[in-house]
Amino acid sequence: MQTLTAVAHRGDPYRFRENTLDSLRSALDQGADAVEIDVRLTRDGVPVLLHDDTLRRLWDVDRPLRALSADELRGLTAGGVPTLAQALAATGDSRVMVDLCGRVDRRTVERTVDVVRQSGAGDRVYWSAGAEAMLAVRAADPAAEIALTWTTLAPPRPALLAAVRPRWLNYRFSLVGRELAARIHRDGCLLSVWTPDTRRSMRRLVDAGVDSITTNRIDVLHALRSEQGRRP
């Protein structure tokens, strides 16, 4: 029986503000196998959970993250934006997909990889982003588990796959069908998709043979998987 990994996109954002500790804990309580988090650096190099490059959408503060120290960020959000270290502690032994957002440079990768190592979470963290970021992760951590995000139906070049060595290829769900899933499996990778939020879309993807679904509605995915007997 096929194993399907249920990944909670930014936690449980229909119940709690995305990328917060409450959101991550809720997602795990709802049956997630893993949580996906977005990581950026503060001005002083602290990896924190934030998808956008500013605080405007989530925190109603029109300030760019890169202009703020970790202490300033804590004050502006009443501690609501967790550090990566806090998120790894809050998720216990659960799997965590770290999505490196925005401008990903060597400093971002090295600081983030260092926090994962210091937290003792290297065996349960895997990494997601485009080719440039994942090449940097591979250089920083030769043993890293990587989900290479790919946004076109044209396959990645063999040289890129050889350099990144991804375990997963990570696609927008609307691109994925049976033919693509079969090709990726023939090439020796697992297939992950983001972010279907309806039962109908999830069922189509399960039938196509995907290995992992990242969704904002982890409760819906967990219920569907349970109904179909697809347990990890």
Foldseek 3Di string as FASTA:
>chain_A
DAAEAEEEEQAQCVVDPGVFLVRNVVNVVLPHQEYEFEWDAALVQFIWTDADQACCPPQVDGDGRNPGDPVRVCVSRVNGIGTPLVNVVSNPLGAYEYEYHDDDDLSNLLSVVVSCVVSVNQVRYAYEDALVNLLSNCVNPVPHAYAHEDEDLPDDDPVSCVRNVHQEHEYALVVDALVSQVVCVVVRHAYEYDEDEDLVSLVRVVVSPHRYYYYSCSNSVVVVCVVVVNHD
